[in-house]
Amino acid sequence: MLNFRYEASLHVRHPSTSPDTISTELGRTPKKSHYQGDLRRTPAGTPLEGTYPMNYWECELETEDQVGITDFLKKLVMTFQPHRGFLKQLSSTGAEVCIHLGIFGDGCCASQFDNRLLNDLANTGFDLRLDFYGSEPIR
């Protein structure tokens, strides 16, 4: 049994590829997106100064209770394998393509990512970001 929970999302920032193109290529609907040059806003919609410097696209990734992070990432690599060419093309043309994992728990939570998994993530075009949040109740 896991003593923590986690949430996952995919974030893409690119200087020219539109959020619509990313949605079409990946076959997913974004939770959040904006275009380069759009006026900046807070998550609540309040206007901020300036404009966004890049196109942005974000979608949530479904996680399963009691499936560890390593197994989740292995499954994710397989799920996105058909899109590998597109993701690598994005990365090679100035994109940041990043899997964000938010990890919630009251104590130690450990996962080991072996070199094969890290290589598979990189070869699919993914960066990996881990954000640890403590003291949040486990669901």
Protein backbone atom coordinates (compact mmCIF):
# COMPACT_ATOMS: atom_id res chain seq x y z
CA MET A 1 0.00 0.00 0.00
CA LEU A 2 1.31 3.43 -0.94
CA ASN A 3 1.77 5.84 1.97
CA PHE A 4 1.33 8.81 -0.34
CA ARG A 5 -0.75 9.86 -3.31
CA TYR A 6 0.19 11.70 -6.46
CA GLU A 7 -1.37 13.63 -9.29
CA ALA A 8 0.09 14.03 -12.77
CA SER A 9 -0.18 16.44 -15.66
CA LEU A 10 1.52 17.07 -18.99
CA HIS A 11 2.72 20.62 -19.75
CA VAL A 12 3.90 21.86 -23.14
CA ARG A 13 5.41 25.30 -23.80
CA HIS A 14 6.39 26.11 -27.38
CA PRO A 15 7.31 29.31 -29.24
CA SER A 16 5.22 28.56 -32.34
CA THR A 17 3.22 25.31 -32.19
CA SER A 18 -0.36 26.20 -31.28
CA PRO A 19 -2.33 24.62 -28.44
CA ASP A 20 -4.87 23.46 -31.04
CA THR A 21 -2.17 21.55 -32.92
CA ILE A 22 -0.97 19.94 -29.69
CA SER A 23 -4.54 18.87 -28.83
CA THR A 24 -5.04 17.39 -32.29
CA GLU A 25 -1.69 15.56 -32.38
CA LEU A 26 -2.02 14.11 -28.87
CA GLY A 27 -5.77 13.47 -29.07
CA ARG A 28 -6.36 15.13 -25.71
CA THR A 29 -8.31 18.12 -24.45
CA PRO A 30 -6.30 20.63 -22.43
CA LYS A 31 -7.26 21.68 -18.93
CA LYS A 32 -5.55 24.98 -19.60
CA SER A 33 -4.02 26.66 -22.64
CA HIS A 34 -3.06 30.05 -24.00
CA TYR A 35 -1.36 31.51 -27.05
CA GLN A 36 1.85 33.47 -27.30
CA GLY A 37 0.88 37.14 -27.08
CA ASP A 38 -2.34 36.59 -25.09
CA LEU A 39 -2.75 38.91 -22.13
CA ARG A 40 -1.54 37.29 -18.92
CA ARG A 41 -4.12 36.36 -16.27
CA THR A 42 -4.18 34.79 -12.83
CA PRO A 43 -5.78 31.33 -12.47
CA ALA A 44 -8.95 33.15 -11.32
CA GLY A 45 -8.96 35.24 -14.52
CA THR A 46 -7.75 38.56 -13.13
CA PRO A 47 -5.69 40.45 -15.74
CA LEU A 48 -1.95 40.83 -15.14
CA GLU A 49 0.61 43.03 -16.85
CA GLY A 50 2.20 41.77 -20.03
CA THR A 51 1.59 38.95 -22.44
CA TYR A 52 2.54 35.29 -22.51
CA PRO A 53 5.91 34.73 -24.22
CA MET A 54 5.07 31.21 -25.49
CA ASN A 55 2.14 29.01 -26.38
CA TYR A 56 1.09 26.84 -23.45
CA TRP A 57 -0.93 23.63 -23.19
CA GLU A 58 -1.67 21.48 -20.13
CA CYS A 59 -3.70 18.33 -19.58
CA GLU A 60 -4.30 16.14 -16.57
CA LEU A 61 -3.00 12.58 -16.68
CA GLU A 62 -5.07 9.87 -15.08
CA THR A 63 -3.43 8.08 -12.17
CA GLU A 64 -4.63 4.91 -10.45
CA ASP A 65 -4.85 4.37 -6.71
CA GLN A 66 -2.11 2.09 -5.42
CA VAL A 67 -0.11 2.15 -8.68
CA GLY A 68 3.39 3.37 -7.84
CA ILE A 69 5.05 6.25 -9.65
CA THR A 70 7.54 4.02 -11.47
CA ASP A 71 4.78 1.81 -12.90
CA PHE A 72 2.74 4.91 -13.78
CA LEU A 73 5.67 6.39 -15.72
CA LYS A 74 6.31 3.11 -17.56
CA LYS A 75 2.67 2.97 -18.62
CA LEU A 76 2.80 6.64 -19.65
CA VAL A 77 5.76 6.00 -21.95
CA MET A 78 3.81 3.21 -23.64
CA THR A 79 0.65 5.35 -23.90
CA PHE A 80 2.53 8.18 -25.62
CA GLN A 81 4.70 5.94 -27.82
CA PRO A 82 2.52 6.61 -30.91
CA HIS A 83 3.15 10.36 -30.39
CA ARG A 84 6.90 10.05 -29.82
CA GLY A 85 7.84 11.64 -33.17
CA PHE A 86 5.64 14.67 -32.52
CA LEU A 87 6.89 15.08 -28.93
CA LYS A 88 10.54 14.82 -29.99
CA GLN A 89 9.91 17.29 -32.82
CA LEU A 90 8.44 19.73 -30.28
CA SER A 91 11.48 19.32 -28.02
CA SER A 92 13.92 19.80 -30.89
CA THR A 93 12.22 23.06 -31.92
CA GLY A 94 12.34 24.83 -28.57
CA ALA A 95 9.56 23.23 -26.53
CA GLU A 96 9.49 22.20 -22.93
CA VAL A 97 7.48 18.97 -22.74
CA CYS A 98 7.23 18.06 -19.08
CA ILE A 99 5.46 15.51 -16.92
CA HIS A 100 4.62 17.14 -13.57
CA LEU A 101 4.08 14.85 -10.61
CA GLY A 102 2.60 16.35 -7.44
CA ILE A 103 3.35 14.02 -4.54
CA PHE A 104 1.34 14.30 -1.32
CA GLY A 105 2.18 12.51 1.93
CA ASP A 106 2.98 12.90 5.59
CA GLY A 107 6.14 10.83 5.61
CA CYS A 108 8.82 9.36 3.47
CA CYS A 109 7.78 8.40 -0.02
CA ALA A 110 10.37 6.81 -2.21
CA SER A 111 10.50 5.68 -5.81
CA GLN A 112 13.50 4.59 -7.79
CA PHE A 113 13.68 5.39 -11.49
CA ASP A 114 16.09 3.02 -13.19
CA ASN A 115 18.19 4.10 -16.15
CA ARG A 116 15.94 2.28 -18.64
CA LEU A 117 12.89 4.23 -17.47
CA LEU A 118 14.77 7.54 -17.50
CA ASN A 119 16.07 6.74 -20.99
CA ASP A 120 12.55 5.82 -22.17
CA LEU A 121 11.16 9.10 -20.80
CA ALA A 122 13.90 11.07 -22.56
CA ASN A 123 13.48 9.13 -25.81
CA THR A 124 9.76 9.91 -25.75
CA GLY A 125 10.60 13.61 -25.41
CA PHE A 126 9.60 14.06 -21.76
CA ASP A 127 11.20 16.07 -19.00
CA LEU A 128 10.17 15.06 -15.47
CA ARG A 129 9.29 17.41 -12.61
CA LEU A 130 8.58 16.17 -9.06
CA ASP A 131 6.82 18.50 -6.62
CA PHE A 132 6.56 17.25 -3.03
CA TYR A 133 3.76 18.55 -0.83
CA GLY A 134 3.78 17.50 2.81
CA SER A 135 1.13 17.33 5.48
CA GLU A 136 -1.81 16.90 3.12
CA PRO A 137 -4.13 14.08 4.09
CA ILE A 138 -3.91 10.96 1.97
CA ARG A 139 -7.24 10.21 0.25
